[in-house]
Amino acid sequence: MKKQAKKEEIVKKSAASEVVSIVPSAPDYLEALAGQGQIVAGEGFEEVRPSDVKVPRIKIAQPLSPEAQEGPDQIQGLKQGMFFHTLTGDVYGSTITFIPLLKFGNRLLFKNMDEGGGILCRSMDMKTGDGEPGGSCISCPLSRFGSARDGQGKGTACNEFMNFPVLVVTEDGLSETAILSFKSTHLDAAKDLIGKARMRRLKDKSQAPMWSGLYKATTELIVDGKLRWYVPKIENAGWVSAKDVPVAKAAYDFMHQLREEGRLTTDQETLEASGD
């Protein structure tokens, strides 16, 4: 059965903030029990780890992406070179306007797909790996340039990701937070985004918050022999509107708190499967 970008999945919209949410609100009777102290927040999640949670991502449909091909994972209306939301199936087209909230990095070492795939080693802080080989990322030979494909390829065997929790600007307002991840051929776009964000200044010349800027990403096709893939190109698109400032600031505060607590990570399963 094909996945579809169903608008009926959007169950809540705040007129004040214009944030579209796919998270259902608790019914009044649960709120009443919580107010009476009969419900303890977070019960049942005591042993949930960051790796147990599938965090939604904004992805680019690549030539080999199953979401853009005939099959059970196909998303209706999605074509190569389009951005889409991995959780809702929403298709944004070849251009998105978004608000980056913050940047965080991580490393993942994948097992070869012809050997079954999977994650061999991961580092959530870019410093220490957990798995095989594990240990210090700085001293690990698999993090050095030229280690890809058993030393026969460019880049590193251990994949470095630059991740940005973002709010996508849609006709309905601001979307729920999702992760926009950059690796390998996309790292230049991530660096470009950071560079453009760092140039933004307030009137007193101080650094403007990352979440205060609007940016536009447009996909561009790259052809190298028989290989074809899409990369994002980043442009400035103005400033967050006055009415959206409280929303962007609150989203940043929440994401920053999750990162401080070690609970903000990426959808590693989707990262492994993706070509972006």
C-alpha atoms as a PDB file:
ATOM      1  CA  MET A   1       0.000   0.000   0.000  1.00  0.00           C
ATOM      2  CA  LYS A   2       1.390   3.384  -0.978  1.00  0.00           C
ATOM      3  CA  LYS A   3       2.082   6.019   1.598  1.00  0.00           C
ATOM      4  CA  GLN A   4       0.215   9.248   1.054  1.00  0.00           C
ATOM      5  CA  ALA A   5       0.756  12.791   2.284  1.00  0.00           C
ATOM      6  CA  LYS A   6      -2.527  12.901   4.149  1.00  0.00           C
ATOM      7  CA  LYS A   7      -3.509  16.297   5.420  1.00  0.00           C
ATOM      8  CA  GLU A   8      -5.993  14.666   7.798  1.00  0.00           C
ATOM      9  CA  GLU A   9      -2.992  13.557   9.889  1.00  0.00           C
ATOM     10  CA  ILE A  10      -2.661  17.172  10.955  1.00  0.00           C
ATOM     11  CA  VAL A  11      -4.888  17.305  13.982  1.00  0.00           C
ATOM     12  CA  LYS A  12      -4.149  20.600  15.638  1.00  0.00           C
ATOM     13  CA  LYS A  13      -3.459  24.151  14.549  1.00  0.00           C
ATOM     14  CA  SER A  14      -2.956  27.081  16.881  1.00  0.00           C
ATOM     15  CA  ALA A  15      -4.334  30.280  15.380  1.00  0.00           C
ATOM     16  CA  ALA A  16      -2.069  32.356  17.620  1.00  0.00           C
ATOM     17  CA  SER A  17       1.203  30.755  16.560  1.00  0.00           C
ATOM     18  CA  GLU A  18       0.139  29.108  13.296  1.00  0.00           C
ATOM     19  CA  VAL A  19       2.120  25.995  14.180  1.00  0.00           C
ATOM     20  CA  VAL A  20       0.782  22.857  12.576  1.00  0.00           C
ATOM     21  CA  SER A  21       1.080  19.904  14.961  1.00  0.00           C
ATOM     22  CA  ILE A  22       0.777  16.169  14.326  1.00  0.00           C
ATOM     23  CA  VAL A  23       0.870  15.513  18.081  1.00  0.00           C
ATOM     24  CA  PRO A  24      -2.598  14.935  19.585  1.00  0.00           C
ATOM     25  CA  SER A  25      -3.509  16.848  22.738  1.00  0.00           C
ATOM     26  CA  ALA A  26      -4.417  14.866  25.847  1.00  0.00           C
ATOM     27  CA  PRO A  27      -8.166  14.724  26.644  1.00  0.00           C
ATOM     28  CA  ASP A  28      -9.527  16.878  29.455  1.00  0.00           C
ATOM     29  CA  TYR A  29     -10.001  13.967  31.863  1.00  0.00           C
ATOM     30  CA  LEU A  30      -6.278  13.102  31.696  1.00  0.00           C
ATOM     31  CA  GLU A  31      -5.407  16.755  32.240  1.00  0.00           C
ATOM     32  CA  ALA A  32      -7.688  16.739  35.303  1.00  0.00           C
ATOM     33  CA  LEU A  33      -5.991  13.635  36.724  1.00  0.00           C
ATOM     34  CA  ALA A  34      -2.602  15.216  36.159  1.00  0.00           C
ATOM     35  CA  GLY A  35      -3.752  18.341  37.979  1.00  0.00           C
ATOM     36  CA  GLN A  36      -4.825  16.169  40.917  1.00  0.00           C
ATOM     37  CA  GLY A  37      -1.410  14.518  41.076  1.00  0.00           C
ATOM     38  CA  GLN A  38      -2.747  11.116  40.033  1.00  0.00           C
ATOM     39  CA  ILE A  39      -0.600  11.001  36.900  1.00  0.00           C
ATOM     40  CA  VAL A  40       3.182  11.239  36.977  1.00  0.00           C
ATOM     41  CA  ALA A  41       4.652  12.748  33.830  1.00  0.00           C
ATOM     42  CA  GLY A  42       6.738  10.377  31.740  1.00  0.00           C
ATOM     43  CA  GLU A  43       5.601   7.110  33.345  1.00  0.00           C
ATOM     44  CA  GLY A  44       6.513   4.166  31.154  1.00  0.00           C
ATOM     45  CA  PHE A  45       9.363   5.940  29.388  1.00  0.00           C
ATOM     46  CA  GLU A  46      11.979   5.335  32.102  1.00  0.00           C
ATOM     47  CA  GLU A  47      14.130   3.048  29.941  1.00  0.00           C
ATOM     48  CA  VAL A  48      13.541   4.672  26.567  1.00  0.00           C
ATOM     49  CA  ARG A  49      16.885   5.560  24.988  1.00  0.00           C
ATOM     50  CA  PRO A  50      17.574   8.157  22.280  1.00  0.00           C
ATOM     51  CA  SER A  51      18.253   5.322  19.820  1.00  0.00           C
ATOM     52  CA  ASP A  52      14.745   3.937  20.506  1.00  0.00           C
ATOM     53  CA  VAL A  53      13.064   7.049  19.104  1.00  0.00           C
ATOM     54  CA  LYS A  54      12.463   7.678  15.415  1.00  0.00           C
ATOM     55  CA  VAL A  55      12.889  11.424  14.947  1.00  0.00           C
ATOM     56  CA  PRO A  56      11.213  12.741  11.769  1.00  0.00           C
ATOM     57  CA  ARG A  57      13.471  14.079   9.065  1.00  0.00           C
ATOM     58  CA  ILE A  58      13.264  16.290   6.022  1.00  0.00           C
ATOM     59  CA  LYS A  59      14.849  14.327   3.165  1.00  0.00           C
ATOM     60  CA  ILE A  60      15.576  14.771  -0.527  1.00  0.00           C
ATOM     61  CA  ALA A  61      14.243  12.007  -2.766  1.00  0.00           C
ATOM     62  CA  GLN A  62      17.302  10.596  -4.540  1.00  0.00           C
ATOM     63  CA  PRO A  63      17.313   8.425  -7.700  1.00  0.00           C
ATOM     64  CA  LEU A  64      17.376   5.261  -5.550  1.00  0.00           C
ATOM     65  CA  SER A  65      15.075   6.447  -2.765  1.00  0.00           C
ATOM     66  CA  PRO A  66      12.320   3.828  -2.273  1.00  0.00           C
ATOM     67  CA  GLU A  67       9.851   6.611  -1.423  1.00  0.00           C
ATOM     68  CA  ALA A  68      10.101   7.890  -5.018  1.00  0.00           C
ATOM     69  CA  GLN A  69       9.810   4.498  -6.717  1.00  0.00           C
ATOM     70  CA  GLU A  70       7.030   2.007  -7.352  1.00  0.00           C
ATOM     71  CA  GLY A  71       6.631  -0.145  -4.271  1.00  0.00           C
ATOM     72  CA  PRO A  72       5.296  -0.341  -0.707  1.00  0.00           C
ATOM     73  CA  ASP A  73       7.303   2.684   0.481  1.00  0.00           C
ATOM     74  CA  GLN A  74       6.287   4.973  -2.380  1.00  0.00           C
ATOM     75  CA  ILE A  75       4.865   8.357  -1.388  1.00  0.00           C
ATOM     76  CA  GLN A  76       2.208   9.623  -3.773  1.00  0.00           C
ATOM     77  CA  GLY A  77       3.319  12.688  -5.728  1.00  0.00           C
ATOM     78  CA  LEU A  78       6.963  12.430  -4.669  1.00  0.00           C
ATOM     79  CA  LYS A  79       9.544  12.681  -7.438  1.00  0.00           C
ATOM     80  CA  GLN A  80      13.327  12.705  -7.495  1.00  0.00           C
ATOM     81  CA  GLY A  81      14.782  15.983  -6.269  1.00  0.00           C
ATOM     82  CA  MET A  82      11.841  16.831  -3.997  1.00  0.00           C
ATOM     83  CA  PHE A  83      11.927  17.405  -0.247  1.00  0.00           C
ATOM     84  CA  PHE A  84       9.607  15.297   1.900  1.00  0.00           C
ATOM     85  CA  HIS A  85       8.790  14.607   5.552  1.00  0.00           C
ATOM     86  CA  THR A  86       9.662  11.057   6.640  1.00  0.00           C
ATOM     87  CA  LEU A  87       6.897  10.822   9.253  1.00  0.00           C
ATOM     88  CA  THR A  88       3.874  12.493   7.659  1.00  0.00           C
ATOM     89  CA  GLY A  89       4.778  11.822   4.020  1.00  0.00           C
ATOM     90  CA  ASP A  90       4.208  15.501   3.221  1.00  0.00           C
ATOM     91  CA  VAL A  91       5.850  16.479  -0.084  1.00  0.00           C
ATOM     92  CA  TYR A  92       7.316  19.989  -0.189  1.00  0.00           C
ATOM     93  CA  GLY A  93       8.611  20.116  -3.763  1.00  0.00           C
ATOM     94  CA  SER A  94      12.109  21.018  -4.931  1.00  0.00           C
ATOM     95  CA  THR A  95      12.295  24.136  -2.715  1.00  0.00           C
ATOM     96  CA  ILE A  96      11.627  24.633   0.980  1.00  0.00           C
ATOM     97  CA  THR A  97      11.783  27.697   3.192  1.00  0.00           C
ATOM     98  CA  PHE A  98      12.809  26.875   6.733  1.00  0.00           C
ATOM     99  CA  ILE A  99      14.007  28.162  10.113  1.00  0.00           C
ATOM    100  CA  PRO A 100      17.086  26.364  11.496  1.00  0.00           C
ATOM    101  CA  LEU A 101      16.950  26.178  15.292  1.00  0.00           C
ATOM    102  CA  LEU A 102      20.426  24.884  16.130  1.00  0.00           C
ATOM    103  CA  LYS A 103      23.176  22.623  14.803  1.00  0.00           C
ATOM    104  CA  PHE A 104      24.458  19.383  16.283  1.00  0.00           C
ATOM    105  CA  GLY A 105      26.772  16.730  14.916  1.00  0.00           C
ATOM    106  CA  ASN A 106      27.095  12.975  15.149  1.00  0.00           C
ATOM    107  CA  ARG A 107      29.062  10.140  13.565  1.00  0.00           C
ATOM    108  CA  LEU A 108      27.828   6.775  12.311  1.00  0.00           C
ATOM    109  CA  LEU A 109      29.819   3.824  10.987  1.00  0.00           C
ATOM    110  CA  PHE A 110      27.625   1.548   8.884  1.00  0.00           C
ATOM    111  CA  LYS A 111      28.182  -2.086   8.050  1.00  0.00           C
ATOM    112  CA  ASN A 112      28.250  -2.810   4.316  1.00  0.00           C
ATOM    113  CA  MET A 113      24.762  -3.380   2.915  1.00  0.00           C
ATOM    114  CA  ASP A 114      25.919  -6.592   1.179  1.00  0.00           C
ATOM    115  CA  GLU A 115      26.747  -7.873   4.669  1.00  0.00           C
ATOM    116  CA  GLY A 116      23.323  -7.063   6.025  1.00  0.00           C
ATOM    117  CA  GLY A 117      23.796  -3.406   6.913  1.00  0.00           C
ATOM    118  CA  GLY A 118      23.329  -1.984  10.375  1.00  0.00           C
ATOM    119  CA  ILE A 119      25.277   0.392  12.579  1.00  0.00           C
ATOM    120  CA  LEU A 120      28.675  -0.756  13.821  1.00  0.00           C
ATOM    121  CA  CYS A 121      29.654   2.334  15.784  1.00  0.00           C
ATOM    122  CA  ARG A 122      28.022   5.630  16.699  1.00  0.00           C
ATOM    123  CA  SER A 123      29.080   8.841  18.392  1.00  0.00           C
ATOM    124  CA  MET A 124      26.483  11.299  19.619  1.00  0.00           C
ATOM    125  CA  ASP A 125      29.049  13.933  20.636  1.00  0.00           C
ATOM    126  CA  MET A 126      31.568  13.610  17.761  1.00  0.00           C
ATOM    127  CA  LYS A 127      34.205  12.675  20.355  1.00  0.00           C
ATOM    128  CA  THR A 128      33.649   9.129  21.601  1.00  0.00           C
ATOM    129  CA  GLY A 129      32.328   6.189  19.623  1.00  0.00           C
ATOM    130  CA  ASP A 130      30.121   3.464  21.053  1.00  0.00           C
ATOM    131  CA  GLY A 131      30.397   0.090  19.313  1.00  0.00           C
ATOM    132  CA  GLU A 132      33.043  -1.396  17.041  1.00  0.00           C
ATOM    133  CA  PRO A 133      35.760  -0.046  16.987  1.00  0.00           C
ATOM    134  CA  GLY A 134      34.564   2.560  19.519  1.00  0.00           C
ATOM    135  CA  GLY A 135      36.808   4.852  21.524  1.00  0.00           C
ATOM    136  CA  SER A 136      38.231   8.226  20.541  1.00  0.00           C
ATOM    137  CA  CYS A 137      36.887   9.578  17.251  1.00  0.00           C
ATOM    138  CA  ILE A 138      39.902  11.850  16.775  1.00  0.00           C
ATOM    139  CA  SER A 139      42.404   9.011  16.861  1.00  0.00           C
ATOM    140  CA  CYS A 140      40.224   6.505  14.982  1.00  0.00           C
ATOM    141  CA  PRO A 141      41.638   5.784  11.480  1.00  0.00           C
ATOM    142  CA  LEU A 142      38.095   5.333  10.138  1.00  0.00           C
ATOM    143  CA  SER A 143      37.384   9.035  10.722  1.00  0.00           C
ATOM    144  CA  ARG A 144      40.307  10.120   8.558  1.00  0.00           C
ATOM    145  CA  PHE A 145      39.958  11.283   4.965  1.00  0.00           C
ATOM    146  CA  GLY A 146      40.686   8.498   2.487  1.00  0.00           C
ATOM    147  CA  SER A 147      39.391   5.682   4.691  1.00  0.00           C
ATOM    148  CA  ALA A 148      36.126   5.209   2.756  1.00  0.00           C
ATOM    149  CA  ARG A 149      35.525   1.907   0.959  1.00  0.00           C
ATOM    150  CA  ASP A 150      38.399   0.193   2.780  1.00  0.00           C
ATOM    151  CA  GLY A 151      40.752   2.957   1.751  1.00  0.00           C
ATOM    152  CA  GLN A 152      39.800   2.858  -1.923  1.00  0.00           C
ATOM    153  CA  GLY A 153      37.352   5.754  -1.888  1.00  0.00           C
ATOM    154  CA  LYS A 154      37.231   9.443  -1.098  1.00  0.00           C
ATOM    155  CA  GLY A 155      35.970  10.722   2.217  1.00  0.00           C
ATOM    156  CA  THR A 156      35.823   8.843   5.491  1.00  0.00           C
ATOM    157  CA  ALA A 157      34.534   5.381   6.356  1.00  0.00           C
ATOM    158  CA  CYS A 158      32.819   6.853   9.419  1.00  0.00           C
ATOM    159  CA  ASN A 159      30.043   9.171   8.259  1.00  0.00           C
ATOM    160  CA  GLU A 160      29.914  12.648   9.752  1.00  0.00           C
ATOM    161  CA  PHE A 161      26.511  14.306   9.910  1.00  0.00           C
ATOM    162  CA  MET A 162      25.567  17.941  10.453  1.00  0.00           C
ATOM    163  CA  ASN A 163      22.001  18.046  11.734  1.00  0.00           C
ATOM    164  CA  PHE A 164      19.632  20.992  12.052  1.00  0.00           C
ATOM    165  CA  PRO A 165      16.262  20.810  13.802  1.00  0.00           C
ATOM    166  CA  VAL A 166      14.120  23.037  11.576  1.00  0.00           C
ATOM    167  CA  LEU A 167      10.651  24.507  11.213  1.00  0.00           C
ATOM    168  CA  VAL A 168       9.474  24.388   7.602  1.00  0.00           C
ATOM    169  CA  VAL A 169       7.433  27.385   6.478  1.00  0.00           C
ATOM    170  CA  THR A 170       4.306  26.149   4.693  1.00  0.00           C
ATOM    171  CA  GLU A 171       1.080  27.736   3.453  1.00  0.00           C
ATOM    172  CA  ASP A 172      -0.527  26.546   6.698  1.00  0.00           C
ATOM    173  CA  GLY A 173       2.120  28.178   8.892  1.00  0.00           C
ATOM    174  CA  LEU A 174       5.116  26.570  10.565  1.00  0.00           C
ATOM    175  CA  SER A 175       5.478  22.798  10.521  1.00  0.00           C
ATOM    176  CA  GLU A 176       6.262  20.542  13.456  1.00  0.00           C
ATOM    177  CA  THR A 177      10.009  20.321  14.165  1.00  0.00           C
ATOM    178  CA  ALA A 178      11.965  17.837  12.034  1.00  0.00           C
ATOM    179  CA  ILE A 179      15.656  17.178  11.432  1.00  0.00           C
ATOM    180  CA  LEU A 180      17.406  18.342   8.267  1.00  0.00           C
ATOM    181  CA  SER A 181      20.589  16.236   8.050  1.00  0.00           C
ATOM    182  CA  PHE A 182      23.626  16.791   5.842  1.00  0.00           C
ATOM    183  CA  LYS A 183      26.419  14.294   5.148  1.00  0.00           C
ATOM    184  CA  SER A 184      29.148  13.644   2.563  1.00  0.00           C
ATOM    185  CA  THR A 185      28.228  15.544  -0.628  1.00  0.00           C
ATOM    186  CA  HIS A 186      25.818  17.750   1.348  1.00  0.00           C
ATOM    187  CA  LEU A 187      28.294  19.028   3.918  1.00  0.00           C
ATOM    188  CA  ASP A 188      29.162  22.044   1.757  1.00  0.00           C
ATOM    189  CA  ALA A 189      25.505  23.108   1.930  1.00  0.00           C
ATOM    190  CA  ALA A 190      25.562  22.740   5.724  1.00  0.00           C
ATOM    191  CA  LYS A 191      28.696  24.859   5.963  1.00  0.00           C
ATOM    192  CA  ASP A 192      27.106  27.421   3.651  1.00  0.00           C
ATOM    193  CA  LEU A 193      24.048  27.560   5.907  1.00  0.00           C
ATOM    194  CA  ILE A 194      26.200  28.070   9.005  1.00  0.00           C
ATOM    195  CA  GLY A 195      28.237  30.740   7.238  1.00  0.00           C
ATOM    196  CA  LYS A 196      25.151  32.673   6.174  1.00  0.00           C
ATOM    197  CA  ALA A 197      23.677  32.383   9.663  1.00  0.00           C
ATOM    198  CA  ARG A 198      26.876  33.634  11.318  1.00  0.00           C
ATOM    199  CA  MET A 199      26.854  36.749   9.151  1.00  0.00           C
ATOM    200  CA  ARG A 200      23.510  37.886  10.566  1.00  0.00           C
ATOM    201  CA  ARG A 201      23.874  40.643  13.131  1.00  0.00           C
ATOM    202  CA  LEU A 202      21.634  42.673  15.384  1.00  0.00           C
ATOM    203  CA  LYS A 203      21.925  46.473  15.386  1.00  0.00           C
ATOM    204  CA  ASP A 204      24.504  46.357  18.179  1.00  0.00           C
ATOM    205  CA  LYS A 205      26.634  44.086  15.925  1.00  0.00           C
ATOM    206  CA  SER A 206      26.059  41.073  18.186  1.00  0.00           C
ATOM    207  CA  GLN A 207      25.364  37.647  16.723  1.00  0.00           C
ATOM    208  CA  ALA A 208      21.729  37.102  15.785  1.00  0.00           C
ATOM    209  CA  PRO A 209      20.213  33.812  16.990  1.00  0.00           C
ATOM    210  CA  MET A 210      20.243  31.030  14.407  1.00  0.00           C
ATOM    211  CA  TRP A 211      16.472  30.636  14.849  1.00  0.00           C
ATOM    212  CA  SER A 212      15.876  34.271  13.801  1.00  0.00           C
ATOM    213  CA  GLY A 213      16.676  33.676  10.133  1.00  0.00           C
ATOM    214  CA  LEU A 214      14.692  32.321   7.185  1.00  0.00           C
ATOM    215  CA  TYR A 215      16.508  30.287   4.542  1.00  0.00           C
ATOM    216  CA  LYS A 216      15.567  28.703   1.257  1.00  0.00           C
ATOM    217  CA  ALA A 217      16.917  25.329   0.105  1.00  0.00           C
ATOM    218  CA  THR A 218      16.578  24.314  -3.541  1.00  0.00           C
ATOM    219  CA  THR A 219      17.708  20.954  -4.900  1.00  0.00           C
ATOM    220  CA  GLU A 220      20.246  20.755  -7.701  1.00  0.00           C
ATOM    221  CA  LEU A 221      21.083  17.667  -9.772  1.00  0.00           C
ATOM    222  CA  ILE A 222      24.742  16.574  -9.816  1.00  0.00           C
ATOM    223  CA  VAL A 223      25.957  14.202 -12.549  1.00  0.00           C
ATOM    224  CA  ASP A 224      29.296  12.401 -12.270  1.00  0.00           C
ATOM    225  CA  GLY A 225      29.595   9.754 -14.958  1.00  0.00           C
ATOM    226  CA  LYS A 226      26.826   7.233 -14.275  1.00  0.00           C
ATOM    227  CA  LEU A 227      26.183   8.622 -10.816  1.00  0.00           C
ATOM    228  CA  ARG A 228      23.351  11.097 -10.264  1.00  0.00           C
ATOM    229  CA  TRP A 229      22.276  12.698  -7.008  1.00  0.00           C
ATOM    230  CA  TYR A 230      20.636  15.852  -5.700  1.00  0.00           C
ATOM    231  CA  VAL A 231      22.188  18.367  -3.326  1.00  0.00           C
ATOM    232  CA  PRO A 232      20.590  21.373  -1.607  1.00  0.00           C
ATOM    233  CA  LYS A 233      21.618  24.934  -2.384  1.00  0.00           C
ATOM    234  CA  ILE A 234      21.076  27.426   0.433  1.00  0.00           C
ATOM    235  CA  GLU A 235      19.937  31.049   0.089  1.00  0.00           C
ATOM    236  CA  ASN A 236      18.989  33.724   2.585  1.00  0.00           C
ATOM    237  CA  ALA A 237      15.221  34.296   2.660  1.00  0.00           C
ATOM    238  CA  GLY A 238      14.773  37.066   5.224  1.00  0.00           C
ATOM    239  CA  TRP A 239      13.984  37.124   8.918  1.00  0.00           C
ATOM    240  CA  VAL A 240      11.459  35.327  11.083  1.00  0.00           C
ATOM    241  CA  SER A 241       8.257  37.372  11.306  1.00  0.00           C
ATOM    242  CA  ALA A 242       7.361  39.097  14.567  1.00  0.00           C
ATOM    243  CA  LYS A 243       4.402  36.767  15.147  1.00  0.00           C
ATOM    244  CA  ASP A 244       6.602  33.677  14.698  1.00  0.00           C
ATOM    245  CA  VAL A 245       9.415  34.804  17.026  1.00  0.00           C
ATOM    246  CA  PRO A 246       7.819  33.250  20.167  1.00  0.00           C
ATOM    247  CA  VAL A 247       7.275  29.980  18.304  1.00  0.00           C
ATOM    248  CA  ALA A 248      10.815  29.789  16.948  1.00  0.00           C
ATOM    249  CA  LYS A 249      12.332  30.715  20.318  1.00  0.00           C
ATOM    250  CA  ALA A 250      10.219  28.125  22.157  1.00  0.00           C
ATOM    251  CA  ALA A 251      11.137  25.460  19.598  1.00  0.00           C
ATOM    252  CA  TYR A 252      14.825  26.306  19.993  1.00  0.00           C
ATOM    253  CA  ASP A 253      14.595  26.163  23.799  1.00  0.00           C
ATOM    254  CA  PHE A 254      12.973  22.740  23.645  1.00  0.00           C
ATOM    255  CA  MET A 255      15.454  21.307  21.134  1.00  0.00           C
ATOM    256  CA  HIS A 256      18.396  22.762  23.073  1.00  0.00           C
ATOM    257  CA  GLN A 257      17.123  21.184  26.280  1.00  0.00           C
ATOM    258  CA  LEU A 258      16.774  17.792  24.573  1.00  0.00           C
ATOM    259  CA  ARG A 259      20.338  18.053  23.274  1.00  0.00           C
ATOM    260  CA  GLU A 260      21.655  19.024  26.699  1.00  0.00           C
ATOM    261  CA  GLU A 261      19.940  15.966  28.159  1.00  0.00           C
ATOM    262  CA  GLY A 262      21.350  13.705  25.443  1.00  0.00           C
ATOM    263  CA  ARG A 263      17.885  13.010  24.042  1.00  0.00           C
ATOM    264  CA  LEU A 264      18.188  14.790  20.697  1.00  0.00           C
ATOM    265  CA  THR A 265      19.468  12.512  17.986  1.00  0.00           C
ATOM    266  CA  THR A 266      18.631  11.529  14.418  1.00  0.00           C
ATOM    267  CA  ASP A 267      16.555   8.805  12.860  1.00  0.00           C
ATOM    268  CA  GLN A 268      19.541   6.508  12.351  1.00  0.00           C
ATOM    269  CA  GLU A 269      17.514   3.888  10.507  1.00  0.00           C
ATOM    270  CA  THR A 270      16.507   6.468   7.902  1.00  0.00           C
ATOM    271  CA  LEU A 271      20.038   7.887   7.711  1.00  0.00           C
ATOM    272  CA  GLU A 272      21.406   4.469   6.812  1.00  0.00           C
ATOM    273  CA  ALA A 273      18.818   3.893   4.121  1.00  0.00           C
ATOM    274  CA  SER A 274      19.114   7.334   2.581  1.00  0.00           C
ATOM    275  CA  GLY A 275      21.437   8.419  -0.161  1.00  0.00           C
ATOM    276  CA  ASP A 276      21.557  11.972   1.117  1.00  0.00           C
END
